[in-house]
PDB file of N, CA and C in Angstrom:
ATOM      1  N   UNK A   1      27.375 -21.862  12.968  1.00  0.00           N
ATOM      2  CA  UNK A   1      27.171 -21.543  11.566  1.00  0.00           C
ATOM      3  C   UNK A   1      25.785 -21.624  11.336  1.00  0.00           C
ATOM      4  N   UNK A   2      25.469 -22.778  11.851  1.00  0.00           N
ATOM      5  CA  UNK A   2      23.404 -22.812  11.584  1.00  0.00           C
ATOM      6  C   UNK A   2      22.914 -21.550  12.214  1.00  0.00           C
ATOM      7  N   UNK A   3      23.065 -20.970  12.787  1.00  0.00           N
ATOM      8  CA  UNK A   3      22.353 -19.658  13.370  1.00  0.00           C
ATOM      9  C   UNK A   3      22.598 -18.595  12.103  1.00  0.00           C
ATOM     10  N   UNK A   4      23.595 -18.416  11.557  1.00  0.00           N
ATOM     11  CA  UNK A   4      23.951 -17.562  10.518  1.00  0.00           C
ATOM     12  C   UNK A   4      22.478 -17.564   9.369  1.00  0.00           C
ATOM     13  N   UNK A   5      22.430 -18.851   9.184  1.00  0.00           N
ATOM     14  CA  UNK A   5      21.314 -19.508   8.212  1.00  0.00           C
ATOM     15  C   UNK A   5      19.991 -19.255   8.769  1.00  0.00           C
ATOM     16  N   UNK A   6      19.971 -19.610   9.998  1.00  0.00           N
ATOM     17  CA  UNK A   6      18.521 -19.175  10.403  1.00  0.00           C
ATOM     18  C   UNK A   6      18.316 -17.838  10.795  1.00  0.00           C
ATOM     19  N   UNK A   7      19.562 -16.838  10.587  1.00  0.00           N
ATOM     20  CA  UNK A   7      18.733 -15.167  10.910  1.00  0.00           C
ATOM     21  C   UNK A   7      18.391 -15.338   9.222  1.00  0.00           C
ATOM     22  N   UNK A   8      19.565 -15.546   7.895  1.00  0.00           N
ATOM     23  CA  UNK A   8      19.187 -15.551   6.713  1.00  0.00           C
ATOM     24  C   UNK A   8      17.540 -15.428   6.666  1.00  0.00           C
ATOM     25  N   UNK A   9      17.090 -17.130   6.987  1.00  0.00           N
ATOM     26  CA  UNK A   9      15.723 -17.183   6.757  1.00  0.00           C
ATOM     27  C   UNK A   9      14.700 -16.360   7.057  1.00  0.00           C
ATOM     28  N   UNK A  10      14.857 -16.032   8.691  1.00  0.00           N
ATOM     29  CA  UNK A  10      14.226 -15.076   9.190  1.00  0.00           C
ATOM     30  C   UNK A  10      14.222 -13.708   8.635  1.00  0.00           C
ATOM     31  N   UNK A  11      15.200 -13.016   7.744  1.00  0.00           N
ATOM     32  CA  UNK A  11      14.955 -12.349   6.820  1.00  0.00           C
ATOM     33  C   UNK A  11      14.486 -12.250   5.631  1.00  0.00           C
ATOM     34  N   UNK A  12      14.454 -13.274   4.803  1.00  0.00           N
ATOM     35  CA  UNK A  12      13.651 -13.921   3.877  1.00  0.00           C
ATOM     36  C   UNK A  12      12.046 -13.797   4.389  1.00  0.00           C
ATOM     37  N   UNK A  13      11.668 -14.169   5.276  1.00  0.00           N
ATOM     38  CA  UNK A  13      10.399 -14.362   5.897  1.00  0.00           C
ATOM     39  C   UNK A  13      10.062 -12.689   5.797  1.00  0.00           C
ATOM     40  N   UNK A  14      10.922 -11.967   6.909  1.00  0.00           N
ATOM     41  CA  UNK A  14      10.532 -10.933   7.214  1.00  0.00           C
ATOM     42  C   UNK A  14      10.199  -9.893   5.987  1.00  0.00           C
ATOM     43  N   UNK A  15      11.028 -10.030   4.518  1.00  0.00           N
ATOM     44  CA  UNK A  15      10.832  -9.322   3.576  1.00  0.00           C
ATOM     45  C   UNK A  15       9.352  -9.794   3.088  1.00  0.00           C
ATOM     46  N   UNK A  16       9.384 -10.823   2.863  1.00  0.00           N
ATOM     47  CA  UNK A  16       8.225 -11.600   2.356  1.00  0.00           C
ATOM     48  C   UNK A  16       6.453 -10.737   2.854  1.00  0.00           C
ATOM     49  N   UNK A  17       6.840 -10.729   4.095  1.00  0.00           N
ATOM     50  CA  UNK A  17       5.535 -10.399   5.261  1.00  0.00           C
ATOM     51  C   UNK A  17       5.701  -8.971   4.612  1.00  0.00           C
ATOM     52  N   UNK A  18       6.662  -7.706   4.959  1.00  0.00           N
ATOM     53  CA  UNK A  18       6.892  -6.678   4.965  1.00  0.00           C
ATOM     54  C   UNK A  18       6.136  -6.418   3.610  1.00  0.00           C
ATOM     55  N   UNK A  19       6.698  -6.862   2.389  1.00  0.00           N
ATOM     56  CA  UNK A  19       5.902  -6.560   0.961  1.00  0.00           C
ATOM     57  C   UNK A  19       4.568  -6.871   1.351  1.00  0.00           C
ATOM     58  N   UNK A  20       4.366  -8.193   1.658  1.00  0.00           N
ATOM     59  CA  UNK A  20       2.446  -8.546   1.910  1.00  0.00           C
ATOM     60  C   UNK A  20       1.898  -7.261   2.239  1.00  0.00           C
ATOM     61  N   UNK A  21       2.101  -7.174   3.373  1.00  0.00           N
ATOM     62  CA  UNK A  21       1.096  -6.232   4.250  1.00  0.00           C
ATOM     63  C   UNK A  21       1.355  -4.808   3.771  1.00  0.00           C
ATOM     64  N   UNK A  22       2.270  -4.117   3.145  1.00  0.00           N
ATOM     65  CA  UNK A  22       2.726  -2.986   2.616  1.00  0.00           C
ATOM     66  C   UNK A  22       1.956  -2.771   1.618  1.00  0.00           C
ATOM     67  N   UNK A  23       1.853  -4.398   0.440  1.00  0.00           N
ATOM     68  CA  UNK A  23       1.047  -4.011  -0.710  1.00  0.00           C
ATOM     69  C   UNK A  23      -0.254  -4.284  -0.220  1.00  0.00           C
ATOM     70  N   UNK A  24      -0.773  -4.692   0.620  1.00  0.00           N
ATOM     71  CA  UNK A  24      -1.993  -4.896   0.902  1.00  0.00           C
ATOM     72  C   UNK A  24      -2.729  -4.027   1.499  1.00  0.00           C
ATOM     73  N   UNK A  25      -1.933  -3.106   2.745  1.00  0.00           N
ATOM     74  CA  UNK A  25      -2.855  -2.206   3.529  1.00  0.00           C
ATOM     75  C   UNK A  25      -2.271  -1.001   3.214  1.00  0.00           C
ATOM     76  N   UNK A  26      -0.985  -0.570   2.901  1.00  0.00           N
ATOM     77  CA  UNK A  26      -0.465   1.143   2.447  1.00  0.00           C
ATOM     78  C   UNK A  26      -0.775   1.499   1.056  1.00  0.00           C
ATOM     79  N   UNK A  27      -0.384   0.941   0.287  1.00  0.00           N
ATOM     80  CA  UNK A  27      -0.685   0.837  -1.348  1.00  0.00           C
ATOM     81  C   UNK A  27       0.118  -0.345  -2.372  1.00  0.00           C
ATOM     82  N   UNK A  28      -0.060  -0.409  -3.231  1.00  0.00           N
ATOM     83  CA  UNK A  28       0.195  -1.174  -4.233  1.00  0.00           C
ATOM     84  C   UNK A  28       1.647  -1.175  -4.431  1.00  0.00           C
ATOM     85  N   UNK A  29       2.304  -2.074  -4.598  1.00  0.00           N
ATOM     86  CA  UNK A  29       4.422  -1.789  -5.117  1.00  0.00           C
ATOM     87  C   UNK A  29       4.251  -2.222  -6.455  1.00  0.00           C
ATOM     88  N   UNK A  30       5.034  -1.355  -6.819  1.00  0.00           N
ATOM     89  CA  UNK A  30       4.897  -1.556  -8.744  1.00  0.00           C
ATOM     90  C   UNK A  30       5.703  -2.935  -8.827  1.00  0.00           C
ATOM     91  N   UNK A  31       5.423  -3.782 -10.143  1.00  0.00           N
ATOM     92  CA  UNK A  31       6.091  -4.783 -10.153  1.00  0.00           C
ATOM     93  C   UNK A  31       7.729  -4.975 -10.485  1.00  0.00           C
ATOM     94  N   UNK A  32       8.012  -3.892 -10.735  1.00  0.00           N
ATOM     95  CA  UNK A  32       9.753  -3.663 -11.286  1.00  0.00           C
ATOM     96  C   UNK A  32      10.031  -3.680  -9.625  1.00  0.00           C
ATOM     97  N   UNK A  33       9.714  -3.456  -8.675  1.00  0.00           N
ATOM     98  CA  UNK A  33      10.099  -3.373  -6.825  1.00  0.00           C
ATOM     99  C   UNK A  33       9.703  -4.861  -6.720  1.00  0.00           C
ATOM    100  N   UNK A  34       8.336  -5.290  -6.663  1.00  0.00           N
ATOM    101  CA  UNK A  34       8.022  -6.104  -6.047  1.00  0.00           C
ATOM    102  C   UNK A  34       8.918  -7.620  -6.128  1.00  0.00           C
ATOM    103  N   UNK A  35       8.882  -8.069  -7.526  1.00  0.00           N
ATOM    104  CA  UNK A  35       9.081  -8.943  -7.941  1.00  0.00           C
ATOM    105  C   UNK A  35      10.635  -9.440  -7.954  1.00  0.00           C
ATOM    106  N   UNK A  36      11.189  -8.673  -7.903  1.00  0.00           N
ATOM    107  CA  UNK A  36      12.628  -8.511  -7.220  1.00  0.00           C
ATOM    108  C   UNK A  36      13.133  -9.074  -5.974  1.00  0.00           C
ATOM    109  N   UNK A  37      12.056  -8.531  -5.584  1.00  0.00           N
ATOM    110  CA  UNK A  37      12.035  -8.251  -3.528  1.00  0.00           C
ATOM    111  C   UNK A  37      11.642  -9.651  -3.271  1.00  0.00           C
ATOM    112  N   UNK A  38      10.306 -10.093  -3.255  1.00  0.00           N
ATOM    113  CA  UNK A  38      10.025 -11.568  -3.577  1.00  0.00           C
ATOM    114  C   UNK A  38      11.093 -12.641  -3.765  1.00  0.00           C
ATOM    115  N   UNK A  39      11.869 -12.201  -5.245  1.00  0.00           N
ATOM    116  CA  UNK A  39      12.636 -13.668  -5.401  1.00  0.00           C
ATOM    117  C   UNK A  39      13.839 -13.615  -4.591  1.00  0.00           C
ATOM    118  N   UNK A  40      14.191 -12.764  -4.012  1.00  0.00           N
ATOM    119  CA  UNK A  40      15.313 -12.517  -3.091  1.00  0.00           C
ATOM    120  C   UNK A  40      14.724 -13.069  -2.086  1.00  0.00           C
ATOM    121  N   UNK A  41      13.875 -13.231  -1.084  1.00  0.00           N
ATOM    122  CA  UNK A  41      12.952 -13.515  -0.382  1.00  0.00           C
ATOM    123  C   UNK A  41      13.097 -14.951  -0.330  1.00  0.00           C
ATOM    124  N   UNK A  42      12.132 -15.337  -1.105  1.00  0.00           N
ATOM    125  CA  UNK A  42      12.441 -16.865  -1.473  1.00  0.00           C
ATOM    126  C   UNK A  42      13.843 -17.294  -1.294  1.00  0.00           C
ATOM    127  N   UNK A  43      14.683 -16.494  -2.386  1.00  0.00           N
ATOM    128  CA  UNK A  43      16.145 -17.128  -2.260  1.00  0.00           C
ATOM    129  C   UNK A  43      17.066 -17.397  -1.212  1.00  0.00           C
ATOM    130  N   UNK A  44      16.318 -16.042   0.105  1.00  0.00           N
ATOM    131  CA  UNK A  44      16.933 -16.384   1.303  1.00  0.00           C
ATOM    132  C   UNK A  44      16.504 -17.394   2.133  1.00  0.00           C
ATOM    133  N   UNK A  45      14.879 -17.561   1.990  1.00  0.00           N
ATOM    134  CA  UNK A  45      14.438 -18.826   3.104  1.00  0.00           C
ATOM    135  C   UNK A  45      15.240 -20.174   2.316  1.00  0.00           C
ATOM    136  N   UNK A  46      15.173 -20.273   0.895  1.00  0.00           N
ATOM    137  CA  UNK A  46      15.590 -21.746   0.381  1.00  0.00           C
ATOM    138  C   UNK A  46      17.050 -22.127   0.969  1.00  0.00           C
ATOM    139  N   UNK A  47      17.700 -20.837   0.720  1.00  0.00           N
ATOM    140  CA  UNK A  47      19.550 -21.124   1.669  1.00  0.00           C
ATOM    141  C   UNK A  47      19.152 -21.550   2.761  1.00  0.00           C
ATOM    142  N   UNK A  48      18.395 -21.004   3.813  1.00  0.00           N
ATOM    143  CA  UNK A  48      18.505 -21.469   4.951  1.00  0.00           C
ATOM    144  C   UNK A  48      17.949 -22.526   5.115  1.00  0.00           C
ATOM    145  N   UNK A  49      16.982 -23.054   4.114  1.00  0.00           N
ATOM    146  CA  UNK A  49      16.336 -24.451   4.447  1.00  0.00           C
ATOM    147  C   UNK A  49      17.308 -25.422   4.076  1.00  0.00           C
ATOM    148  N   UNK A  50      18.277 -25.579   2.886  1.00  0.00           N
ATOM    149  CA  UNK A  50      19.157 -26.301   2.413  1.00  0.00           C
ATOM    150  C   UNK A  50      20.050 -26.079   3.362  1.00  0.00           C
ATOM    151  N   UNK A  51      20.712 -25.185   4.008  1.00  0.00           N
ATOM    152  CA  UNK A  51      22.011 -25.305   4.680  1.00  0.00           C
ATOM    153  C   UNK A  51      21.810 -26.116   5.934  1.00  0.00           C
ATOM    154  N   UNK A  52      20.703 -25.514   6.765  1.00  0.00           N
ATOM    155  CA  UNK A  52      20.370 -26.000   8.191  1.00  0.00           C
ATOM    156  C   UNK A  52      20.056 -27.548   7.867  1.00  0.00           C
ATOM    157  N   UNK A  53      18.866 -27.639   7.200  1.00  0.00           N
ATOM    158  CA  UNK A  53      18.262 -29.021   6.561  1.00  0.00           C
ATOM    159  C   UNK A  53      17.049 -28.950   7.920  1.00  0.00           C
ATOM    160  N   UNK A  54      16.268 -28.061   7.879  1.00  0.00           N
ATOM    161  CA  UNK A  54      15.474 -27.839   9.120  1.00  0.00           C
ATOM    162  C   UNK A  54      14.484 -26.851   8.588  1.00  0.00           C
ATOM    163  N   UNK A  55      13.324 -26.972   8.758  1.00  0.00           N
ATOM    164  CA  UNK A  55      12.231 -25.751   8.570  1.00  0.00           C
ATOM    165  C   UNK A  55      11.212 -25.494   9.618  1.00  0.00           C
ATOM    166  N   UNK A  56      11.767 -24.393  10.118  1.00  0.00           N
ATOM    167  CA  UNK A  56      10.883 -23.785  11.003  1.00  0.00           C
ATOM    168  C   UNK A  56      11.064 -24.640  12.356  1.00  0.00           C
ATOM    169  N   UNK A  57      12.684 -25.188  12.401  1.00  0.00           N
ATOM    170  CA  UNK A  57      12.811 -25.422  14.107  1.00  0.00           C
ATOM    171  C   UNK A  57      12.645 -27.076  13.825  1.00  0.00           C
ATOM    172  N   UNK A  58      12.154 -27.645  12.832  1.00  0.00           N
ATOM    173  CA  UNK A  58      12.046 -29.011  12.883  1.00  0.00           C
ATOM    174  C   UNK A  58      13.456 -29.868  12.960  1.00  0.00           C
ATOM    175  N   UNK A  59      13.713 -31.039  13.387  1.00  0.00           N
ATOM    176  CA  UNK A  59      14.839 -31.828  13.218  1.00  0.00           C
ATOM    177  C   UNK A  59      15.381 -31.878  11.716  1.00  0.00           C
ATOM    178  N   UNK A  60      16.654 -32.451  11.392  1.00  0.00           N
ATOM    179  CA  UNK A  60      16.874 -32.548  10.366  1.00  0.00           C
ATOM    180  C   UNK A  60      16.073 -34.131   9.999  1.00  0.00           C
ATOM    181  N   UNK A  61      15.736 -34.381   8.891  1.00  0.00           N
ATOM    182  CA  UNK A  61      15.481 -35.665   8.185  1.00  0.00           C
ATOM    183  C   UNK A  61      16.353 -36.568   8.346  1.00  0.00           C
ATOM    184  N   UNK A  62      16.254 -37.803   8.913  1.00  0.00           N
ATOM    185  CA  UNK A  62      17.332 -39.026   8.645  1.00  0.00           C
ATOM    186  C   UNK A  62      16.805 -40.244   7.566  1.00  0.00           C
ATOM    187  N   UNK A  63      17.561 -40.304   6.513  1.00  0.00           N
ATOM    188  CA  UNK A  63      17.279 -41.311   5.464  1.00  0.00           C
ATOM    189  C   UNK A  63      18.011 -42.368   5.582  1.00  0.00           C
TER     190      UNK A  63
END
């Protein structure tokens, strides 16, 4: 089940990187498309971090 959330986090990061590269090097993305896309990417990464308890492959923190 944790693998599912790692894939979700990777998709979120990929969306953000694709948006940034497209916006900087190809042509500016309109705000009406860009803002929801970035919010979705942030939400996907946040879900992956909360559900797995890991950030970029690190172990779960012990409290």
